[in-house]
Each structure stands twice: as structure tokens, then as C-alpha cells.
Amino acid sequence: MGKKTAAKPAAKSAGKAKPAAKPAGKAKPAAAGKDNLDEKSRDVKGKLIEDFDTFKAEWEKNSKDPAQSVLFFLIGVYNYGKGNEKVGEAMATSVIIEKNVWADASSQSGFKIAASDRKTFDMIATLPGVVNSYLGGTLDNGYEIDPENLVMHVEGAGYSGNDGTVHVKSSGKDFTTPFNVTKDAKGQWKVTDFNSAATGVKQPE
């Protein structure tokens, strides 16, 4: 009987093992540098927009800033209150989180204000001076706004994950108004609650 040879190893030794994947270093947040989560007081500026397509394009460019989304919501409410109801509602519902609006194929946004929010929305749009008091109008000038120079003053904001609250100062109220916001699946900040805005402002004597 011949001499047996030792069984060969199943695989040739590769020497010193290499790591399965090259370390990628410290991970960066997915949205780093994209969202403007400024929590300090500041003025958010813009222009009045009356065309829906222009509105939508401009909002989408600014939708990483929660305060800008509040400003665009108020622009929609302003248009609605000035008689441009279909366009104004389409604008506003573009900036409200989808679960808080109803589907409407006839709307340019594809949505309409939910019945639960209709009264509140109408009050903000039609109470004298309310919307304008957030957009730069003052008691002294009868709440007239400059369409080319809208100014919304944010007193501060706070955020936790994808949710937050933007505190907006009305020139006709003694207290700030909280607008709740949330970030949707596309990374766009949208308004979730605007009930606190439905209160009147001081009127000239």
C-alpha cells in the first residue's frame, strides 16, 4: 500500500485578512446642510405670488426652510381672502401636509381644505388685517402690505426630529402665533396646524 498524502486545505491561505469593507470614516447626516432649522429670531422675506405654477416652483426651492413654508402658506391664504379662492386654496393646500387635506382632482394642487379646517382657514383669510399682520402690514398703516417686500417676523422655533413649531409675530397681536410643521417623505417642510392664527388683530380706533 502506498504512502498517503496529506489532504490539501480547502482554500489557499490568503495571508493577513483584509477588512470586509474599507472604513468610511465618520458618517454624515443625510440632510446635512440642506434644511434651515434656524431656531433664532429672524425676518423671512419674500414677494407676493398670484400664479399657482410660479408659487409651487418657488416654494419647492425654499421648502427645506420650515419658516419659508409658513410664509408660502400665508401667501396662499392671502390670495384666497382677496377673492382668488381657487388659486389661493391650491397654494395653501400645496404647503399643508397631505394627511390634513382632502383629495380634489379639480384643484391645481390636487387637494382641498378639509372640512375640519375650513372654518379656521376662512377666518384667517377674511378677518380684517389678520393675514397682512404676518406679512409686514401694521396697525399704523392699516395693515397694508408691500407686495414686493413681504416680511414675516419669526420670534423663534423649535424642532424635534421631523416635527417643529415656528413662532410668528403678528403686528396686531400681543402674543406670537405657533405654526406646527413637519417634514414629509420628500424632505419638504409642511404646515400641520394653523389654528392659532384664527384670532383677530387690533383695529384702528
Protein backbone atom coordinates (compact mmCIF):
# COMPACT_ATOMS: atom_id res chain seq x y z
CA MET A 1 0.00 0.00 0.00
CA GLY A 2 1.41 3.42 -1.00
CA LYS A 3 2.14 6.29 1.28
CA LYS A 4 -0.87 8.51 1.93
CA THR A 5 -0.51 12.19 1.19
CA ALA A 6 -1.96 14.80 3.49
CA ALA A 7 -5.26 16.30 2.37
CA LYS A 8 -4.93 19.71 0.75
CA PRO A 9 -6.54 22.65 2.54
CA ALA A 10 -9.88 23.72 1.10
CA ALA A 11 -8.56 27.13 0.21
CA LYS A 12 -5.12 28.63 -0.06
CA SER A 13 -4.23 30.84 2.82
CA ALA A 14 -4.58 34.45 1.79
CA GLY A 15 -2.21 35.77 4.38
CA LYS A 16 -3.33 38.58 6.64
CA ALA A 17 -7.12 39.01 6.48
CA LYS A 18 -8.42 42.22 4.98
CA PRO A 19 -11.42 44.02 6.39
CA ALA A 20 -14.64 43.29 4.54
CA ALA A 21 -15.15 46.92 3.71
CA LYS A 22 -12.97 49.98 3.92
CA PRO A 23 -13.92 52.13 6.88
CA ALA A 24 -15.91 55.09 5.63
CA GLY A 25 -14.93 57.41 8.46
CA LYS A 26 -17.42 59.40 10.48
CA ALA A 27 -20.91 59.20 8.94
CA LYS A 28 -22.50 62.42 7.80
CA PRO A 29 -26.16 63.15 8.44
CA ALA A 30 -28.25 62.51 5.32
CA ALA A 31 -29.70 66.01 5.29
CA ALA A 32 -26.60 67.88 6.44
CA GLY A 33 -26.59 71.43 5.13
CA LYS A 34 -29.94 71.06 3.38
CA ASP A 35 -32.53 72.09 5.97
CA ASN A 36 -32.58 75.52 7.52
CA LEU A 37 -33.51 74.74 11.10
CA ASP A 38 -32.69 78.18 12.45
CA GLU A 39 -34.28 78.49 15.88
CA LYS A 40 -33.42 82.16 16.41
CA SER A 41 -35.48 85.28 15.75
CA ARG A 42 -35.24 86.43 12.15
CA ASP A 43 -37.12 88.09 9.32
CA VAL A 44 -38.23 85.82 6.49
CA LYS A 45 -38.72 87.82 3.30
CA GLY A 46 -40.49 87.18 0.03
CA LYS A 47 -42.78 88.55 -2.66
CA LEU A 48 -46.49 88.18 -3.26
CA ILE A 49 -47.16 85.49 -5.90
CA GLU A 50 -50.51 85.22 -7.67
CA ASP A 51 -49.79 82.44 -10.18
CA PHE A 52 -50.00 78.85 -8.92
CA ASP A 53 -47.22 77.36 -11.05
CA THR A 54 -44.80 80.13 -10.05
CA PHE A 55 -45.83 79.70 -6.42
CA LYS A 56 -45.24 75.95 -6.47
CA ALA A 57 -41.83 76.28 -8.11
CA GLU A 58 -40.69 78.96 -5.67
CA TRP A 59 -41.95 77.07 -2.63
CA GLU A 60 -40.22 73.87 -3.72
CA LYS A 61 -36.92 75.78 -3.92
CA ASN A 62 -37.43 77.02 -0.36
CA SER A 63 -39.15 74.01 1.21
CA LYS A 64 -36.08 72.97 3.23
CA ASP A 65 -36.72 76.00 5.44
CA PRO A 66 -39.74 75.42 7.72
CA ALA A 67 -40.30 79.16 8.19
CA GLN A 68 -40.41 79.70 4.43
CA SER A 69 -43.16 77.07 4.21
CA VAL A 70 -45.19 79.06 6.75
CA LEU A 71 -44.65 82.22 4.67
CA PHE A 72 -45.83 80.46 1.50
CA PHE A 73 -48.88 79.11 3.33
CA LEU A 74 -49.80 82.66 4.33
CA ILE A 75 -49.36 83.85 0.74
CA GLY A 76 -51.91 81.22 -0.29
CA VAL A 77 -54.32 82.36 2.43
CA TYR A 78 -53.86 85.98 1.35
CA ASN A 79 -54.80 85.16 -2.25
CA TYR A 80 -57.82 83.20 -1.07
CA GLY A 81 -59.02 86.11 1.06
CA LYS A 82 -58.60 88.56 -1.82
CA GLY A 83 -61.12 86.67 -3.95
CA ASN A 84 -58.70 84.43 -5.86
CA GLU A 85 -60.19 81.49 -3.97
CA LYS A 86 -59.34 78.53 -6.22
CA VAL A 87 -55.73 79.55 -6.69
CA GLY A 88 -55.31 80.59 -3.06
CA GLU A 89 -56.66 77.30 -1.76
CA ALA A 90 -54.50 75.33 -4.19
CA MET A 91 -51.46 77.27 -2.96
CA ALA A 92 -52.25 76.71 0.71
CA THR A 93 -53.00 73.00 0.28
CA SER A 94 -49.68 72.53 -1.52
CA VAL A 95 -47.97 73.54 1.71
CA ILE A 96 -50.22 71.64 4.16
CA ILE A 97 -49.20 68.07 5.00
CA GLU A 98 -51.15 65.62 2.82
CA LYS A 99 -52.86 63.76 5.65
CA ASN A 100 -54.57 67.02 6.67
CA VAL A 101 -56.17 67.82 3.30
CA TRP A 102 -58.70 66.09 1.05
CA ALA A 103 -58.09 64.91 -2.49
CA ASP A 104 -59.72 67.06 -5.17
CA ALA A 105 -58.94 66.40 -8.83
CA SER A 106 -60.31 69.81 -9.82
CA SER A 107 -57.69 71.66 -7.76
CA GLN A 108 -54.32 72.61 -9.23
CA SER A 109 -52.67 71.15 -6.15
CA GLY A 110 -54.84 68.02 -6.20
CA PHE A 111 -56.22 68.88 -2.76
CA LYS A 112 -58.76 70.99 -0.92
CA ILE A 113 -59.05 72.20 2.66
CA ALA A 114 -60.52 69.50 4.91
CA ALA A 115 -63.94 70.24 6.39
CA SER A 116 -62.44 70.20 9.89
CA ASP A 117 -60.17 73.13 8.98
CA ARG A 118 -62.49 75.05 6.64
CA LYS A 119 -63.89 77.44 9.26
CA THR A 120 -60.44 78.19 10.67
CA PHE A 121 -58.97 78.74 7.20
CA ASP A 122 -61.81 81.09 6.25
CA MET A 123 -61.38 83.08 9.47
CA ILE A 124 -57.68 83.63 8.89
CA ALA A 125 -58.38 84.70 5.30
CA THR A 126 -61.29 87.05 5.99
CA LEU A 127 -60.85 88.57 9.47
CA PRO A 128 -59.70 92.18 8.81
CA GLY A 129 -55.95 92.57 8.81
CA VAL A 130 -55.02 89.11 10.12
CA VAL A 131 -53.00 87.72 7.20
CA ASN A 132 -51.48 91.12 6.42
CA SER A 133 -50.31 91.47 10.02
CA TYR A 134 -48.00 88.48 9.42
CA LEU A 135 -46.70 89.77 6.09
CA GLY A 136 -45.44 93.23 7.04
CA GLY A 137 -48.65 95.24 7.43
CA THR A 138 -49.04 97.23 10.65
CA LEU A 139 -51.81 98.87 12.64
CA ASP A 140 -50.34 102.29 11.80
CA ASN A 141 -50.63 101.76 8.03
CA GLY A 142 -53.99 99.97 8.15
CA TYR A 143 -52.28 96.61 7.59
CA GLU A 144 -51.28 97.45 4.05
CA ILE A 145 -48.53 95.22 2.67
CA ASP A 146 -45.84 95.83 0.09
CA PRO A 147 -46.32 93.02 -2.49
CA GLU A 148 -42.65 93.26 -3.48
CA ASN A 149 -41.36 93.17 0.08
CA LEU A 150 -43.23 90.77 2.34
CA VAL A 151 -41.67 90.44 5.78
CA MET A 152 -42.65 87.69 8.22
CA HIS A 153 -41.00 88.02 11.63
CA VAL A 154 -40.15 84.74 13.32
CA GLU A 155 -39.71 85.09 17.09
CA GLY A 156 -38.15 81.65 17.36
CA ALA A 157 -38.65 77.99 16.52
CA GLY A 158 -38.08 74.55 17.96
CA TYR A 159 -37.61 71.15 16.32
CA SER A 160 -37.57 67.50 17.32
CA GLY A 161 -36.80 65.09 14.52
CA ASN A 162 -39.20 65.72 11.65
CA ASP A 163 -41.57 67.93 13.67
CA GLY A 164 -41.34 71.51 14.79
CA THR A 165 -43.08 74.75 15.69
CA VAL A 166 -42.41 78.15 14.13
CA HIS A 167 -43.47 81.11 16.28
CA VAL A 168 -44.54 84.03 14.10
CA LYS A 169 -45.12 87.58 15.34
CA SER A 170 -48.23 89.42 14.18
CA SER A 171 -48.01 93.20 14.23
CA GLY A 172 -51.57 93.33 15.54
CA LYS A 173 -51.39 90.84 18.41
CA ASP A 174 -49.65 90.88 21.77
CA PHE A 175 -48.63 87.24 21.51
CA THR A 176 -46.84 85.12 18.95
CA THR A 177 -48.63 82.57 16.79
CA PRO A 178 -47.34 78.98 16.68
CA PHE A 179 -47.48 77.18 13.35
CA ASN A 180 -46.75 73.47 13.66
CA VAL A 181 -44.74 71.95 10.82
CA THR A 182 -43.46 68.53 9.80
CA LYS A 183 -41.09 67.19 7.17
CA ASP A 184 -42.71 64.89 4.62
CA ALA A 185 -41.28 61.88 2.78
CA LYS A 186 -39.77 64.18 0.14
CA GLY A 187 -37.90 66.17 2.76
CA GLN A 188 -40.17 69.20 2.35
CA TRP A 189 -41.42 71.03 5.41
CA LYS A 190 -45.20 71.44 5.50
CA VAL A 191 -47.73 73.06 7.81
CA THR A 192 -49.72 70.72 10.07
CA ASP A 193 -51.59 73.11 12.38
CA PHE A 194 -52.56 76.76 11.83
CA ASN A 195 -55.48 77.07 14.28
CA SER A 196 -53.77 79.65 16.48
CA ALA A 197 -53.73 82.15 13.60
CA ALA A 198 -57.53 82.39 13.57
CA THR A 199 -57.80 85.29 16.02
CA GLY A 200 -58.42 88.94 15.25
CA VAL A 201 -55.92 91.79 15.35
CA LYS A 202 -56.10 95.28 16.81
CA GLN A 203 -58.07 97.67 14.65
CA PRO A 204 -57.70 101.45 14.22
CA GLU A 205 -59.95 103.45 16.57
